[in-house]
Amino acid sequence: MHNIKQVVIAGGGSAGWMTAAALSKLLGEHVNITLVESAQIGTVSVGEATIPQIRQFNQLIGIDENEFLSATSGTFKLGIEFIDWGQIGQQYMHPFGPYGVNLNGIAFHHYWLKSVKNTNPAPILDYCLEGHAAKLNRFDRIVGQTTKGHSTLNYAFHFDAVKYAEFLSTLAIKQGVKHIQGTILQVTIEPSNGHIKDLILDDGQVISGELFIDCTGFKGRLINQALHVGFESWQHWLPCDSAIAIASESLPELKPYTQATAHKAGWQWQIPLQHRIGNGRVFASGFTSAEQQIAQLAAQLPSKAMTEPRQLNWQNGRRLKAWQKNCVAIGLSAGFLEPLESTGLQFIQSAILRLISLFPSCAMAKVDADTYNRYTEQEITAVRDFIICHYKVTKRSDSEFWRYCQHMDVPNTVSERLALFAQNGRLFRENNELFNELSWFSVLHGQGIEPQGYHPLVNSLSDAACEQYMQQIKTMIGQTARSLPMHSEYVARHCRYSKS
């Protein structure tokens, strides 16, 4: 039962260096951490959009927010704008903040549904500060004073993922992480128990450890190629399996949100960084060609191209076990979901925190691994269902791709949610899943599901009182949003990008 002293991280990038930075910060005095990465394996810098939980991770490892944003060309993110998803010509926002204020234990959106049926024309975004501010291109961390202290916006970031990994590598190495450059030629397995014993590199070095963390990307050099853990594909529900990325020159106005515009075989992202715009076309290779997507992306860039097109390919799904023997897969090696809701770094973050909570002794108790795997599966499956809904809930029939999505069979967990919401606008968050009721409402309402009714207890408030309540909230949010500084000005003042 002696404690683990040697931890080996295979692979760098965001997954490897996030893991190294966190473990060295929290466990560095008790374990020796070695990170092995190959200079021959390049990374694709396409920009990274995140969700608000990334702030908790950065705080945990002691990152100064302005310093981090300056180093990574970062900007702030208040949500995601979806264009042409439910129907061509329609758009909606998935904001990071709440709609209105819940009343009498009933979610605000039920009062809004009643108000709409009483001919209130105000869109739901008028009742969300984050969403309203985003559309005005305004941002501030602190937006006012409450009885409990300062009120803040709920925000995330856009930043250069490669620069983020470099920033974390500097931090991790200062905290004692040993960094070795080399390519893994062989993984040695202990015959007596099937555990990984050591890694043999191309220069002959032998890297021994007690716990190995696989951050080697899609190929899963340890979890897949050495330990042969199976993979569950979700390609039949999520057919988008490729992307083309091109960076273009920065624009004067920085939008504080990501844009995701649907096209005939997938969707296109736009991520505003300080020094460039990240652009990409996500597509289903079974319905179009890479050549077509390159041409269409090049024709729709918002500014002059800075890079040649780069292609990414993947398979949506998960490893059947993210923890096997003495190996834990983190990042792409554990599974992948297309980047529609910016969950890539969140999966890494939650995996790291889950590992710390269940950090093993050398005995490698099976119950620890089983618990880790169960919660890992629950997390990615819940996000899978959320992303499936973006494709399933559509009225688009203008291409073979959208007709397939509209008519595809979906998991029961998805169809049951859709039926519950369509009846009376009800939404429930299960097992503390990543996306809450507000997120589900944003997408289901935004893509055209109009509930037949609303929560019956809303009728305890008279129509006049309901309208007064709605108007007060709308006025307050509108005034507050308009009082915020412009996002571009705020970034320039607090965290201007430094090339050094």
Protein backbone atom coordinates (compact mmCIF):
# COMPACT_ATOMS: atom_id res chain seq x y z
CA MET A 1 0.00 0.00 0.00
CA HIS A 2 3.01 2.34 -0.27
CA ASN A 3 2.45 5.69 -1.94
CA ILE A 4 3.18 6.32 -5.60
CA LYS A 5 6.43 8.23 -6.08
CA GLN A 6 6.90 8.15 -9.87
CA VAL A 7 4.28 9.55 -12.27
CA VAL A 8 4.99 9.53 -16.01
CA ILE A 9 2.94 11.66 -18.42
CA ALA A 10 3.19 10.51 -22.04
CA GLY A 11 2.50 13.42 -24.38
CA GLY A 12 2.46 17.19 -24.14
CA GLY A 13 -0.04 19.58 -25.68
CA SER A 14 -2.93 20.96 -23.66
CA ALA A 15 -3.74 17.61 -22.01
CA GLY A 16 -0.20 16.80 -20.98
CA TRP A 17 0.76 20.20 -19.66
CA MET A 18 -2.57 20.83 -17.91
CA THR A 19 -2.04 17.51 -16.15
CA ALA A 20 1.58 18.28 -15.32
CA ALA A 21 0.78 21.77 -14.01
CA ALA A 22 -2.06 20.56 -11.80
CA LEU A 23 -0.31 17.49 -10.39
CA SER A 24 2.92 19.36 -9.69
CA LYS A 25 0.96 22.13 -7.95
CA LEU A 26 -1.11 19.80 -5.77
CA LEU A 27 1.11 16.73 -5.39
CA GLY A 28 4.57 17.99 -6.32
CA GLU A 29 6.10 17.58 -2.88
CA HIS A 30 5.05 13.95 -2.73
CA VAL A 31 5.64 12.61 -6.25
CA ASN A 32 8.22 12.92 -9.01
CA ILE A 33 6.56 13.85 -12.30
CA THR A 34 8.14 13.24 -15.70
CA LEU A 35 6.58 14.40 -18.96
CA VAL A 36 7.75 12.82 -22.21
CA GLU A 37 6.84 14.41 -25.53
CA SER A 38 8.07 14.11 -29.05
CA ALA A 39 9.18 17.15 -31.03
CA GLN A 40 8.32 15.16 -34.17
CA ILE A 41 4.61 15.20 -33.30
CA GLY A 42 3.30 18.63 -34.18
CA THR A 43 0.24 20.40 -32.84
CA VAL A 44 -2.39 22.28 -34.80
CA SER A 45 -2.96 25.78 -33.47
CA VAL A 46 -6.57 26.43 -34.39
CA GLY A 47 -7.52 28.51 -31.35
CA GLU A 48 -9.51 27.23 -28.45
CA ALA A 49 -12.93 28.21 -27.16
CA THR A 50 -13.75 27.22 -23.60
CA ILE A 51 -16.58 27.16 -21.08
CA PRO A 52 -16.56 28.95 -17.69
CA GLN A 53 -15.22 26.00 -15.67
CA ILE A 54 -11.74 26.71 -17.11
CA ARG A 55 -11.52 29.65 -14.71
CA GLN A 56 -11.73 27.28 -11.74
CA PHE A 57 -8.86 25.23 -13.12
CA ASN A 58 -6.69 28.27 -13.70
CA GLN A 59 -7.38 29.51 -10.17
CA LEU A 60 -6.58 26.07 -8.75
CA ILE A 61 -3.08 26.12 -10.19
CA GLY A 62 -2.50 29.77 -9.32
CA ILE A 63 -2.62 31.43 -12.74
CA ASP A 64 -2.99 35.21 -12.92
CA GLU A 65 -5.84 35.74 -15.39
CA ASN A 66 -4.51 38.86 -17.09
CA GLU A 67 -1.02 37.37 -17.42
CA PHE A 68 -2.42 34.18 -18.93
CA LEU A 69 -4.63 36.04 -21.43
CA SER A 70 -1.78 38.33 -22.46
CA ALA A 71 0.50 35.33 -23.08
CA THR A 72 -2.09 33.36 -25.08
CA SER A 73 -3.64 36.18 -27.15
CA GLY A 74 -6.84 35.55 -25.20
CA THR A 75 -10.22 37.24 -25.25
CA PHE A 76 -13.35 36.79 -23.15
CA LYS A 77 -16.31 34.61 -24.08
CA LEU A 78 -19.90 35.07 -22.88
CA GLY A 79 -21.52 32.34 -24.96
CA ILE A 80 -21.92 30.77 -28.40
CA GLU A 81 -24.04 32.17 -31.21
CA PHE A 82 -25.66 29.51 -33.41
CA ILE A 83 -26.63 30.56 -36.93
CA ASP A 84 -28.79 28.57 -39.43
CA TRP A 85 -29.21 25.52 -37.15
CA GLY A 86 -32.95 25.17 -36.60
CA GLN A 87 -33.69 26.77 -39.96
CA ILE A 88 -31.70 28.81 -42.45
CA GLY A 89 -31.93 32.47 -41.48
CA GLN A 90 -32.48 31.83 -37.77
CA GLN A 91 -29.98 32.43 -35.01
CA TYR A 92 -29.83 32.11 -31.25
CA MET A 93 -27.35 32.41 -28.41
CA HIS A 94 -26.30 29.84 -25.84
CA PRO A 95 -25.19 32.29 -23.13
CA PHE A 96 -23.22 31.41 -20.01
CA GLY A 97 -25.51 33.28 -17.62
CA PRO A 98 -29.03 32.74 -16.31
CA TYR A 99 -32.27 33.98 -17.79
CA GLY A 100 -34.04 36.36 -15.44
CA VAL A 101 -34.63 35.37 -11.83
CA ASN A 102 -36.49 32.26 -10.70
CA LEU A 103 -39.67 32.98 -8.77
CA ASN A 104 -41.55 30.84 -6.22
CA GLY A 105 -39.30 27.89 -6.97
CA ILE A 106 -40.19 27.93 -10.69
CA ALA A 107 -37.58 28.47 -13.40
CA PHE A 108 -37.77 31.89 -15.08
CA HIS A 109 -38.24 30.47 -18.57
CA HIS A 110 -41.71 29.21 -17.59
CA TYR A 111 -42.80 32.79 -16.82
CA TRP A 112 -41.34 33.87 -20.14
CA LEU A 113 -43.27 31.11 -21.95
CA LYS A 114 -46.48 32.39 -20.37
CA SER A 115 -45.57 35.94 -21.30
CA VAL A 116 -44.95 34.94 -24.91
CA LYS A 117 -48.36 33.28 -25.08
CA ASN A 118 -49.74 36.62 -23.84
CA THR A 119 -48.10 38.29 -26.89
CA ASN A 120 -44.91 39.56 -25.23
CA PRO A 121 -42.56 39.99 -28.23
CA ALA A 122 -39.33 40.33 -26.25
CA PRO A 123 -36.79 37.57 -27.09
CA ILE A 124 -35.43 35.45 -24.25
CA LEU A 125 -31.95 36.97 -24.68
CA ASP A 126 -33.29 40.30 -23.40
CA TYR A 127 -33.50 38.64 -19.97
CA CYS A 128 -29.91 37.36 -19.83
CA LEU A 129 -27.13 39.81 -18.98
CA GLU A 130 -24.37 37.67 -20.51
CA GLY A 131 -26.31 37.18 -23.73
CA HIS A 132 -27.39 40.81 -23.99
CA ALA A 133 -23.86 42.09 -23.34
CA ALA A 134 -22.43 39.65 -25.88
CA LYS A 135 -24.63 40.96 -28.68
CA LEU A 136 -23.58 44.51 -27.80
CA ASN A 137 -19.89 43.45 -27.85
CA ARG A 138 -19.54 44.62 -24.25
CA PHE A 139 -17.74 43.05 -21.32
CA ASP A 140 -16.60 43.62 -17.75
CA ARG A 141 -15.69 41.20 -14.99
CA ILE A 142 -17.53 43.16 -12.31
CA VAL A 143 -20.93 44.55 -13.25
CA GLY A 144 -22.32 45.94 -10.00
CA GLN A 145 -22.77 45.70 -6.27
CA THR A 146 -25.18 43.34 -4.51
CA THR A 147 -25.99 42.73 -0.86
CA LYS A 148 -23.54 39.80 -0.99
CA GLY A 149 -20.70 41.74 -2.66
CA HIS A 150 -19.71 42.34 -6.25
CA SER A 151 -21.79 40.86 -9.06
CA THR A 152 -19.81 39.28 -11.89
CA LEU A 153 -20.50 38.02 -15.37
CA ASN A 154 -20.14 34.30 -15.97
CA TYR A 155 -17.49 34.08 -18.66
CA ALA A 156 -14.93 31.83 -20.31
CA PHE A 157 -12.12 32.49 -22.79
CA HIS A 158 -10.87 32.21 -26.33
CA PHE A 159 -7.12 31.68 -26.61
CA ASP A 160 -4.33 30.09 -28.62
CA ALA A 161 -4.20 26.47 -27.42
CA VAL A 162 -0.53 26.01 -28.32
CA LYS A 163 0.45 29.14 -26.40
CA TYR A 164 -1.62 27.90 -23.45
CA ALA A 165 0.34 24.65 -23.42
CA GLU A 166 3.60 26.63 -23.57
CA PHE A 167 2.44 28.85 -20.70
CA LEU A 168 1.59 25.81 -18.57
CA SER A 169 4.83 24.04 -19.46
CA THR A 170 6.85 26.95 -18.08
CA LEU A 171 4.78 26.85 -14.90
CA ALA A 172 5.02 23.07 -14.52
CA ILE A 173 8.78 22.94 -15.05
CA LYS A 174 9.24 25.67 -12.42
CA GLN A 175 7.20 23.44 -10.10
CA GLY A 176 9.60 20.56 -10.60
CA VAL A 177 8.25 18.59 -13.56
CA LYS A 178 11.03 16.83 -15.47
CA HIS A 179 10.64 17.40 -19.22
CA ILE A 180 12.09 14.84 -21.63
CA GLN A 181 12.02 15.16 -25.42
CA GLY A 182 11.75 11.81 -27.13
CA THR A 183 9.58 9.45 -29.15
CA ILE A 184 8.17 6.35 -27.46
CA LEU A 185 9.38 3.29 -29.35
CA GLN A 186 8.20 0.60 -26.96
CA VAL A 187 5.96 0.22 -23.93
CA THR A 188 7.14 -2.53 -21.57
CA ILE A 189 4.40 -4.52 -19.80
CA GLU A 190 4.96 -6.36 -16.51
CA PRO A 191 3.96 -10.00 -17.22
CA SER A 192 2.80 -10.70 -13.66
CA ASN A 193 -0.01 -8.13 -13.57
CA GLY A 194 -0.27 -6.51 -17.01
CA HIS A 195 0.80 -3.10 -15.72
CA ILE A 196 2.97 -0.73 -17.70
CA LYS A 197 6.54 -0.96 -16.38
CA ASP A 198 8.42 1.61 -18.44
CA LEU A 199 8.67 3.50 -21.71
CA ILE A 200 11.63 2.98 -24.04
CA LEU A 201 12.46 6.07 -26.12
CA ASP A 202 14.12 6.36 -29.52
CA ASP A 203 17.39 7.49 -27.96
CA GLY A 204 17.53 4.44 -25.68
CA GLN A 205 16.30 6.13 -22.51
CA VAL A 206 14.13 3.98 -20.25
CA ILE A 207 11.46 5.93 -18.34
CA SER A 208 10.12 3.92 -15.42
CA GLY A 209 7.04 4.79 -13.40
CA GLU A 210 4.30 3.54 -11.12
CA LEU A 211 1.42 5.56 -12.61
CA PHE A 212 1.33 6.38 -16.33
CA ILE A 213 -0.92 9.06 -17.81
CA ASP A 214 -1.66 8.79 -21.51
CA CYS A 215 -1.92 12.21 -23.18
CA THR A 216 -0.81 11.00 -26.60
CA GLY A 217 -3.94 12.07 -28.46
CA PHE A 218 -6.22 10.04 -30.69
CA LYS A 219 -3.75 7.18 -31.19
CA GLY A 220 -3.69 6.37 -27.44
CA ARG A 221 -0.12 5.12 -27.44
CA LEU A 222 -0.50 3.56 -23.98
CA ILE A 223 -4.22 2.98 -23.34
CA ASN A 224 -4.92 1.70 -26.85
CA GLN A 225 -1.76 0.43 -28.51
CA ALA A 226 -0.20 -1.09 -25.36
CA LEU A 227 -3.20 -2.01 -23.17
CA HIS A 228 -5.70 -2.58 -26.01
CA VAL A 229 -8.70 -0.91 -24.37
CA GLY A 230 -11.66 -0.94 -26.75
CA PHE A 231 -13.44 2.06 -28.24
CA GLU A 232 -17.17 2.84 -28.50
CA SER A 233 -17.99 4.84 -31.61
CA TRP A 234 -20.83 7.38 -31.68
CA GLN A 235 -20.38 8.25 -35.33
CA HIS A 236 -23.94 7.20 -36.22
CA TRP A 237 -25.29 9.97 -33.95
CA LEU A 238 -22.49 12.48 -34.55
CA PRO A 239 -21.39 12.05 -38.18
CA CYS A 240 -19.12 15.12 -38.32
CA ASP A 241 -15.62 13.64 -38.28
CA SER A 242 -13.35 16.20 -39.96
CA ALA A 243 -12.43 19.87 -39.98
CA ILE A 244 -10.47 22.35 -42.08
CA ALA A 245 -8.80 25.19 -40.15
CA ILE A 246 -7.47 28.51 -41.47
CA ALA A 247 -6.34 31.46 -39.35
CA SER A 248 -7.11 34.94 -40.66
CA GLU A 249 -6.07 38.43 -39.67
CA SER A 250 -7.57 40.03 -36.56
CA LEU A 251 -10.51 42.42 -36.76
CA PRO A 252 -10.87 45.79 -35.02
CA GLU A 253 -13.94 44.67 -33.08
CA LEU A 254 -13.52 41.59 -30.87
CA LYS A 255 -16.75 39.73 -30.35
CA PRO A 256 -17.04 38.30 -26.81
CA TYR A 257 -18.58 35.08 -28.12
CA THR A 258 -17.91 32.17 -30.45
CA GLN A 259 -19.92 31.80 -33.65
CA ALA A 260 -21.07 28.43 -35.02
CA THR A 261 -22.76 28.71 -38.41
CA ALA A 262 -24.37 25.59 -39.86
CA HIS A 263 -23.73 24.69 -43.50
CA LYS A 264 -24.95 21.88 -45.75
CA ALA A 265 -22.61 19.22 -44.36
CA GLY A 266 -21.79 20.48 -40.86
CA TRP A 267 -20.88 23.85 -39.39
CA GLN A 268 -18.27 26.59 -39.38
CA TRP A 269 -16.60 28.17 -36.34
CA GLN A 270 -15.22 31.65 -35.81
CA ILE A 271 -13.13 32.29 -32.70
CA PRO A 272 -11.80 35.84 -32.09
CA LEU A 273 -8.29 36.03 -30.64
CA GLN A 274 -6.31 39.23 -30.21
CA HIS A 275 -3.76 38.53 -32.95
CA ARG A 276 -5.93 36.54 -35.37
CA ILE A 277 -9.32 34.97 -36.01
CA GLY A 278 -9.63 31.19 -35.75
CA ASN A 279 -11.81 29.81 -38.56
CA GLY A 280 -12.78 26.27 -39.35
CA ARG A 281 -15.26 24.11 -41.26
CA VAL A 282 -16.43 21.01 -39.40
CA PHE A 283 -17.97 18.45 -41.73
CA ALA A 284 -19.12 14.87 -42.17
CA SER A 285 -16.76 13.24 -44.65
CA GLY A 286 -19.53 10.89 -45.76
CA PHE A 287 -21.50 13.82 -47.18
CA THR A 288 -18.87 16.10 -48.70
CA SER A 289 -15.18 16.29 -49.62
CA ALA A 290 -12.28 18.08 -47.96
CA GLU A 291 -11.60 19.92 -51.23
CA GLN A 292 -15.12 21.38 -51.24
CA GLN A 293 -14.82 22.47 -47.62
CA ILE A 294 -11.42 24.12 -48.16
CA ALA A 295 -12.82 26.14 -51.05
CA GLN A 296 -15.94 27.18 -49.14
CA LEU A 297 -14.01 28.16 -46.01
CA ALA A 298 -11.48 30.20 -48.01
CA ALA A 299 -14.35 32.03 -49.71
CA GLN A 300 -16.04 32.90 -46.41
CA LEU A 301 -13.13 34.11 -44.29
CA PRO A 302 -13.88 37.36 -42.44
CA SER A 303 -10.37 38.70 -43.15
CA LYS A 304 -7.18 37.90 -45.07
CA ALA A 305 -5.86 34.36 -44.55
CA MET A 306 -2.70 34.00 -42.45
CA THR A 307 -2.12 30.24 -42.78
CA GLU A 308 -2.59 27.45 -45.27
CA PRO A 309 -5.57 25.12 -44.70
CA ARG A 310 -4.95 22.34 -42.19
CA GLN A 311 -7.11 19.25 -41.88
CA LEU A 312 -8.12 17.44 -38.70
CA ASN A 313 -9.84 14.05 -38.55
CA TRP A 314 -11.42 12.23 -35.60
CA GLN A 315 -13.97 9.70 -34.48
CA ASN A 316 -16.59 10.71 -31.95
CA GLY A 317 -16.73 8.25 -29.08
CA ARG A 318 -14.96 7.05 -25.94
CA ARG A 319 -12.55 4.43 -24.67
CA LEU A 320 -14.43 1.67 -22.88
CA LYS A 321 -12.12 2.35 -19.93
CA ALA A 322 -10.21 5.57 -19.36
CA TRP A 323 -8.36 3.96 -16.44
CA GLN A 324 -6.90 0.51 -17.11
CA LYS A 325 -4.30 -1.18 -14.87
CA ASN A 326 -1.84 1.58 -13.88
CA CYS A 327 -2.66 3.83 -16.86
CA VAL A 328 -5.11 6.74 -16.99
CA ALA A 329 -5.99 8.29 -20.35
CA ILE A 330 -6.64 12.04 -20.31
CA GLY A 331 -7.70 14.17 -23.26
CA LEU A 332 -8.12 12.80 -26.78
CA SER A 333 -6.70 9.42 -25.79
CA ALA A 334 -9.74 8.89 -23.52
CA GLY A 335 -12.38 9.94 -26.04
CA PHE A 336 -13.55 12.82 -28.16
CA LEU A 337 -16.66 14.81 -28.99
CA GLU A 338 -16.66 17.31 -31.81
CA PRO A 339 -15.93 20.88 -30.61
CA LEU A 340 -19.43 22.30 -31.06
CA GLU A 341 -19.91 23.24 -27.38
CA SER A 342 -16.23 23.87 -26.57
CA THR A 343 -15.86 20.93 -24.19
CA GLY A 344 -12.38 19.67 -25.13
CA LEU A 345 -10.45 21.34 -22.31
CA GLN A 346 -13.29 20.73 -19.87
CA PHE A 347 -12.92 16.96 -20.32
CA ILE A 348 -9.22 17.31 -19.57
CA GLN A 349 -9.86 19.46 -16.52
CA SER A 350 -12.50 17.19 -15.01
CA ALA A 351 -10.35 14.10 -15.69
CA ILE A 352 -7.44 15.67 -13.79
CA LEU A 353 -9.60 16.59 -10.80
CA ARG A 354 -11.21 13.15 -10.84
CA LEU A 355 -7.75 11.54 -10.82
CA ILE A 356 -6.64 13.70 -7.90
CA SER A 357 -9.76 12.72 -5.95
CA LEU A 358 -9.09 9.03 -6.61
CA PHE A 359 -5.30 9.19 -6.67
CA PRO A 360 -4.15 5.61 -6.07
CA SER A 361 -1.50 3.88 -4.05
CA CYS A 362 0.80 1.40 -5.76
CA ALA A 363 -1.80 -1.29 -5.02
CA MET A 364 -4.03 0.23 -7.76
CA ALA A 365 -7.33 -0.68 -6.08
CA LYS A 366 -9.87 -1.84 -8.66
CA VAL A 367 -12.66 0.12 -6.98
CA ASP A 368 -10.78 3.38 -7.64
CA ALA A 369 -10.46 2.64 -11.34
CA ASP A 370 -14.08 1.45 -11.59
CA THR A 371 -15.34 4.63 -9.93
CA TYR A 372 -13.20 6.80 -12.16
CA ASN A 373 -14.45 5.02 -15.27
CA ARG A 374 -18.08 5.23 -14.23
CA TYR A 375 -18.01 8.99 -13.71
CA THR A 376 -15.97 9.52 -16.87
CA GLU A 377 -18.59 7.64 -18.88
CA GLN A 378 -21.45 9.59 -17.28
CA GLU A 379 -19.81 12.92 -18.08
CA ILE A 380 -19.05 12.32 -21.74
CA THR A 381 -22.37 10.54 -22.39
CA ALA A 382 -24.37 13.48 -21.02
CA VAL A 383 -22.45 15.93 -23.21
CA ARG A 384 -22.90 13.56 -26.17
CA ASP A 385 -26.68 13.77 -25.73
CA PHE A 386 -26.54 17.57 -25.55
CA ILE A 387 -24.59 17.80 -28.81
CA ILE A 388 -26.82 15.25 -30.56
CA CYS A 389 -29.79 17.55 -29.91
CA HIS A 390 -28.19 20.33 -31.96
CA TYR A 391 -28.40 18.06 -35.00
CA LYS A 392 -31.62 16.18 -34.29
CA VAL A 393 -33.72 19.25 -33.47
CA THR A 394 -33.75 20.90 -36.88
CA LYS A 395 -36.21 21.70 -39.62
CA ARG A 396 -33.50 21.88 -42.23
CA SER A 397 -33.97 19.53 -45.17
CA ASP A 398 -31.85 21.34 -47.74
CA SER A 399 -29.14 18.67 -47.90
CA GLU A 400 -28.64 14.94 -47.48
CA PHE A 401 -26.69 15.62 -44.26
CA TRP A 402 -29.50 17.53 -42.54
CA ARG A 403 -32.14 15.06 -43.71
CA TYR A 404 -30.05 12.28 -42.14
CA CYS A 405 -29.75 14.21 -38.85
CA GLN A 406 -33.43 15.08 -38.73
CA HIS A 407 -34.55 11.47 -39.15
CA MET A 408 -31.80 9.57 -37.31
CA ASP A 409 -32.66 7.44 -34.30
CA VAL A 410 -31.31 8.91 -31.07
CA PRO A 411 -30.66 7.45 -27.60
CA ASN A 412 -33.69 7.13 -25.32
CA THR A 413 -32.08 9.66 -22.97
CA VAL A 414 -32.36 12.23 -25.76
CA SER A 415 -35.88 11.40 -26.98
CA GLU A 416 -37.24 11.48 -23.42
CA ARG A 417 -35.78 14.96 -22.79
CA LEU A 418 -37.22 16.25 -26.04
CA ALA A 419 -40.68 14.90 -25.24
CA LEU A 420 -40.64 16.35 -21.71
CA PHE A 421 -39.65 19.80 -22.94
CA ALA A 422 -42.09 19.80 -25.86
CA GLN A 423 -45.02 19.14 -23.51
CA ASN A 424 -44.61 21.80 -20.81
CA GLY A 425 -41.11 23.17 -21.08
CA ARG A 426 -39.76 20.97 -18.30
CA LEU A 427 -36.03 20.36 -17.93
CA PHE A 428 -34.08 18.42 -15.33
CA ARG A 429 -30.36 18.23 -14.66
CA GLU A 430 -29.28 14.65 -14.02
CA ASN A 431 -26.24 13.49 -12.01
CA ASN A 432 -24.79 17.00 -11.88
CA GLU A 433 -24.20 16.86 -15.64
CA LEU A 434 -22.04 19.53 -17.24
CA PHE A 435 -24.77 21.45 -19.08
CA ASN A 436 -27.63 22.62 -16.87
CA GLU A 437 -31.27 23.44 -17.54
CA LEU A 438 -30.38 26.91 -18.86
CA SER A 439 -28.13 25.43 -21.53
CA TRP A 440 -30.72 22.88 -22.58
CA PHE A 441 -33.39 25.58 -22.79
CA SER A 442 -31.14 27.77 -24.94
CA VAL A 443 -30.63 25.04 -27.52
CA LEU A 444 -34.08 23.42 -27.58
CA HIS A 445 -35.92 26.75 -27.71
CA GLY A 446 -33.33 28.29 -30.01
CA GLN A 447 -33.72 25.50 -32.56
CA GLY A 448 -37.46 25.78 -32.70
CA ILE A 449 -39.16 23.56 -30.12
CA GLU A 450 -42.15 25.51 -28.80
CA PRO A 451 -43.58 23.82 -25.69
CA GLN A 452 -47.31 23.29 -25.73
CA GLY A 453 -47.58 24.72 -22.23
CA TYR A 454 -45.61 25.81 -19.19
CA HIS A 455 -45.42 24.96 -15.50
CA PRO A 456 -49.02 25.27 -14.17
CA LEU A 457 -47.91 26.98 -10.94
CA VAL A 458 -46.88 29.99 -13.00
CA ASN A 459 -50.59 30.83 -13.22
CA SER A 460 -50.60 31.67 -9.51
CA LEU A 461 -49.12 34.98 -10.69
CA SER A 462 -51.64 37.16 -12.51
CA ASP A 463 -51.03 38.17 -16.11
CA ALA A 464 -50.50 41.79 -15.07
CA ALA A 465 -48.07 40.86 -12.29
CA CYS A 466 -46.19 38.54 -14.65
CA GLU A 467 -45.78 41.29 -17.25
CA GLN A 468 -44.59 43.75 -14.61
CA TYR A 469 -42.07 41.21 -13.32
CA MET A 470 -40.80 40.58 -16.85
CA GLN A 471 -40.51 44.28 -17.68
CA GLN A 472 -38.54 45.07 -14.53
CA ILE A 473 -35.97 42.39 -15.29
CA LYS A 474 -35.68 43.36 -18.95
CA THR A 475 -35.13 47.03 -18.09
CA MET A 476 -32.50 46.26 -15.46
CA ILE A 477 -30.56 43.92 -17.73
CA GLY A 478 -30.69 46.28 -20.69
CA GLN A 479 -29.40 49.23 -18.65
CA THR A 480 -26.62 47.16 -17.10
CA ALA A 481 -25.48 45.68 -20.43
CA ARG A 482 -25.31 49.10 -22.10
CA SER A 483 -23.22 50.47 -19.22
CA LEU A 484 -20.41 47.97 -19.73
CA PRO A 485 -17.22 48.91 -21.65
CA MET A 486 -16.62 47.62 -25.14
CA HIS A 487 -14.97 44.20 -25.13
CA SER A 488 -12.06 45.32 -27.36
CA GLU A 489 -11.32 48.26 -25.07
CA TYR A 490 -11.45 46.08 -21.97
CA VAL A 491 -9.01 43.54 -23.44
CA ALA A 492 -6.61 46.27 -24.57
CA ARG A 493 -6.66 47.86 -21.12
CA HIS A 494 -6.24 44.73 -18.99
CA CYS A 495 -4.60 41.92 -20.97
CA ARG A 496 -3.16 43.09 -24.28
CA TYR A 497 -1.35 40.30 -26.14
CA SER A 498 2.40 40.29 -25.67
CA LYS A 499 4.42 38.49 -28.37
CA SER A 500 7.43 38.08 -26.09
